[in-house]
């Protein structure tokens, strides 16, 4: 079976490039969430964390038959959470606003569609302040970008398109053994 499956890391890589190009964040200040080996910057709070949140199949599979295979396509909806932090709320807001507003434009479509992902919509921006290790508030803005992705499975399948019927009289070819009316020869 040949499967073209979603690679969540490639989507996170694509979102990384998008956030890097559409915000004022430095390249080394955008991190993949859920990664224990990343260290946040100590000298400032201007950074972003991208986290794969959800994968959900949308609708019913579409099946196409070709020669000796079935191609099964399913549409998957993917959510990626984007958290942008800042030294000030204004810094965080400026980085988030350009990234978020362009996601609702052809700019995001032109960026993601060639990579195999279609931008659907983004949640509203929420302000959720956090507290750092020195007990200071750090402005955090969060949203979720939603994409669709076509998952394709190619499965080998044997089928036929013509039949040669050979009709046989079963009673003649395979005669019954014993009495056919439920009586044995001993009871006669």
Protein backbone atom coordinates (compact mmCIF):
# COMPACT_ATOMS: atom_id res chain seq x y z
CA UNK A 1 0.00 0.00 0.00
CA UNK A 2 1.34 3.39 -0.97
CA UNK A 3 0.24 6.23 1.29
CA UNK A 4 0.84 9.96 0.95
CA UNK A 5 0.34 10.92 4.58
CA UNK A 6 0.54 14.18 6.41
CA UNK A 7 3.92 14.99 7.84
CA UNK A 8 3.11 17.30 10.75
CA UNK A 9 6.72 18.47 10.92
CA UNK A 10 6.60 19.70 7.33
CA UNK A 11 3.49 21.75 8.15
CA UNK A 12 5.21 23.17 11.24
CA UNK A 13 8.24 23.96 9.06
CA UNK A 14 5.95 25.78 6.61
CA UNK A 15 4.26 27.76 9.42
CA UNK A 16 7.72 28.54 10.80
CA UNK A 17 8.76 30.05 7.45
CA UNK A 18 5.47 31.95 7.20
CA UNK A 19 5.78 33.47 10.70
CA UNK A 20 9.46 34.28 10.08
CA UNK A 21 8.61 36.10 6.83
CA UNK A 22 5.48 37.93 8.05
CA UNK A 23 6.61 39.05 11.51
CA UNK A 24 9.60 40.96 12.90
CA UNK A 25 10.80 37.99 14.94
CA UNK A 26 14.36 36.78 14.57
CA UNK A 27 14.84 33.39 12.92
CA UNK A 28 16.25 31.78 16.07
CA UNK A 29 13.28 33.02 18.15
CA UNK A 30 10.60 30.80 16.58
CA UNK A 31 10.23 27.40 18.26
CA UNK A 32 8.31 24.20 17.76
CA UNK A 33 6.03 23.53 20.73
CA UNK A 34 6.21 20.26 22.63
CA UNK A 35 9.95 20.02 22.11
CA UNK A 36 11.97 19.45 25.29
CA UNK A 37 15.27 20.43 23.70
CA UNK A 38 14.45 24.04 22.81
CA UNK A 39 15.61 26.86 25.06
CA UNK A 40 13.72 30.13 25.04
CA UNK A 41 15.81 33.31 24.77
CA UNK A 42 17.04 34.60 28.13
CA UNK A 43 17.85 38.14 27.00
CA UNK A 44 14.34 39.06 25.77
CA UNK A 45 10.76 37.84 25.47
CA UNK A 46 10.22 38.37 21.72
CA UNK A 47 9.63 34.85 20.46
CA UNK A 48 6.98 32.54 19.02
CA UNK A 49 5.99 28.95 19.75
CA UNK A 50 4.19 26.86 17.08
CA UNK A 51 2.29 23.75 18.20
CA UNK A 52 0.40 21.16 16.19
CA UNK A 53 -3.00 20.96 17.97
CA UNK A 54 -5.40 18.80 16.03
CA UNK A 55 -5.98 16.55 13.05
CA UNK A 56 -9.58 15.82 12.06
CA UNK A 57 -10.98 14.02 9.03
CA UNK A 58 -13.62 16.09 7.24
CA UNK A 59 -16.39 14.37 5.33
CA UNK A 60 -16.40 11.02 3.58
CA UNK A 61 -13.55 9.41 1.67
CA UNK A 62 -13.54 9.64 -2.11
CA UNK A 63 -12.61 6.44 -3.95
CA UNK A 64 -11.31 6.24 -7.52
CA UNK A 65 -10.58 2.96 -9.30
CA UNK A 66 -7.67 2.69 -11.74
CA UNK A 67 -6.56 -0.57 -13.42
CA UNK A 68 -5.42 -2.62 -10.40
CA UNK A 69 -5.57 0.01 -7.64
CA UNK A 70 -8.02 2.01 -5.57
CA UNK A 71 -7.09 5.58 -4.73
CA UNK A 72 -8.74 6.67 -1.48
CA UNK A 73 -8.62 10.40 -0.76
CA UNK A 74 -9.62 11.93 2.57
CA UNK A 75 -9.64 15.57 3.55
CA UNK A 76 -7.93 16.38 6.85
CA UNK A 77 -8.32 19.59 8.87
CA UNK A 78 -5.22 20.55 10.84
CA UNK A 79 -4.93 23.14 13.60
CA UNK A 80 -1.62 24.84 14.44
CA UNK A 81 -1.50 27.07 17.51
CA UNK A 82 0.67 30.18 17.16
CA UNK A 83 1.76 31.83 20.42
CA UNK A 84 3.65 35.09 20.09
CA UNK A 85 5.31 36.64 23.14
CA UNK A 86 6.81 40.09 23.54
CA UNK A 87 8.70 42.32 25.92
CA UNK A 88 5.63 44.55 25.72
CA UNK A 89 2.08 43.93 24.60
CA UNK A 90 2.70 46.32 21.69
CA UNK A 91 5.67 44.26 20.42
CA UNK A 92 3.70 41.02 20.66
CA UNK A 93 0.69 42.65 19.01
CA UNK A 94 2.71 43.99 16.06
CA UNK A 95 4.21 40.56 15.35
CA UNK A 96 0.89 38.76 15.70
CA UNK A 97 -1.21 41.24 13.75
CA UNK A 98 0.82 41.05 10.53
CA UNK A 99 0.96 37.26 10.71
CA UNK A 100 -2.74 36.88 11.55
CA UNK A 101 -4.19 39.44 9.12
CA UNK A 102 -2.20 38.09 6.14
CA UNK A 103 -3.49 34.58 6.93
CA UNK A 104 -6.92 35.87 5.84
CA UNK A 105 -5.53 37.01 2.49
CA UNK A 106 -4.30 35.55 -0.80
CA UNK A 107 -0.77 35.95 0.62
CA UNK A 108 -1.23 32.88 2.84
CA UNK A 109 -2.86 30.92 -0.01
CA UNK A 110 0.05 31.69 -2.32
CA UNK A 111 2.48 30.64 0.41
CA UNK A 112 0.87 27.38 1.65
CA UNK A 113 -0.99 25.88 -1.34
CA UNK A 114 2.20 25.02 -3.31
CA UNK A 115 3.33 23.11 -0.19
CA UNK A 116 0.13 21.01 -0.19
CA UNK A 117 -1.76 22.83 2.58
CA UNK A 118 -4.79 25.07 2.07
CA UNK A 119 -5.35 27.84 4.66
CA UNK A 120 -8.93 27.70 5.91
CA UNK A 121 -9.32 30.26 8.71
CA UNK A 122 -7.76 31.53 11.93
CA UNK A 123 -9.29 31.88 15.37
CA UNK A 124 -9.50 35.28 16.98
CA UNK A 125 -6.40 36.60 18.71
CA UNK A 126 -6.49 36.13 22.48
CA UNK A 127 -4.32 37.89 25.04
CA UNK A 128 -3.16 35.38 27.66
CA UNK A 129 -0.38 36.82 29.80
CA UNK A 130 2.07 34.42 31.44
CA UNK A 131 4.54 34.81 34.29
CA UNK A 132 8.25 34.22 33.69
CA UNK A 133 10.85 32.79 36.08
CA UNK A 134 11.40 36.23 37.67
CA UNK A 135 7.66 36.53 38.44
CA UNK A 136 7.11 39.18 35.76
CA UNK A 137 4.16 39.23 33.41
CA UNK A 138 5.01 38.40 29.80
CA UNK A 139 2.50 39.39 27.12
CA UNK A 140 1.35 36.36 25.12
CA UNK A 141 -0.97 36.49 22.12
CA UNK A 142 -2.39 33.25 20.81
CA UNK A 143 -4.41 32.09 17.81
CA UNK A 144 -4.91 28.88 15.87
CA UNK A 145 -4.40 28.62 12.12
CA UNK A 146 -6.50 25.94 10.40
CA UNK A 147 -5.47 24.17 7.20
CA UNK A 148 -6.83 21.41 5.03
CA UNK A 149 -4.72 18.66 3.57
CA UNK A 150 -5.62 15.87 1.15
CA UNK A 151 -4.47 12.48 2.45
CA UNK A 152 -4.09 9.92 -0.37
CA UNK A 153 -3.92 6.12 0.00
CA UNK A 154 -3.19 3.92 -3.03
CA UNK A 155 -4.23 0.31 -2.41
CA UNK A 156 -3.75 -2.65 -4.79
CA UNK A 157 -7.10 -4.16 -5.79
CA UNK A 158 -8.05 -7.10 -7.99
CA UNK A 159 -11.23 -6.71 -10.01
CA UNK A 160 -12.64 -7.83 -13.34
CA UNK A 161 -14.57 -6.25 -16.15
CA UNK A 162 -15.84 -9.35 -17.99
CA UNK A 163 -17.11 -12.81 -17.05
CA UNK A 164 -17.25 -16.09 -18.97
CA UNK A 165 -20.21 -18.05 -17.62
CA UNK A 166 -20.17 -21.86 -17.98
CA UNK A 167 -23.64 -23.20 -17.09
CA UNK A 168 -23.64 -26.77 -15.75
CA UNK A 169 -26.60 -28.98 -14.80
CA UNK A 170 -25.67 -29.65 -11.19
CA UNK A 171 -27.93 -32.76 -10.78
CA UNK A 172 -26.26 -34.49 -13.72
CA UNK A 173 -22.69 -33.39 -12.99
CA UNK A 174 -22.99 -34.07 -9.24
CA UNK A 175 -25.78 -36.69 -8.68
CA UNK A 176 -27.32 -36.83 -5.19
CA UNK A 177 -26.07 -39.43 -2.79
CA UNK A 178 -28.78 -41.40 -0.96
CA UNK A 179 -32.48 -40.56 -0.77
CA UNK A 180 -33.35 -37.00 -1.61
CA UNK A 181 -36.67 -37.09 0.36
CA UNK A 182 -35.16 -37.67 3.78
CA UNK A 183 -35.86 -41.45 3.85
CA UNK A 184 -33.03 -43.89 3.96
CA UNK A 185 -33.14 -47.17 1.96
CA UNK A 186 -33.46 -49.24 5.18
CA UNK A 187 -36.85 -47.72 6.08
CA UNK A 188 -38.50 -48.81 2.77
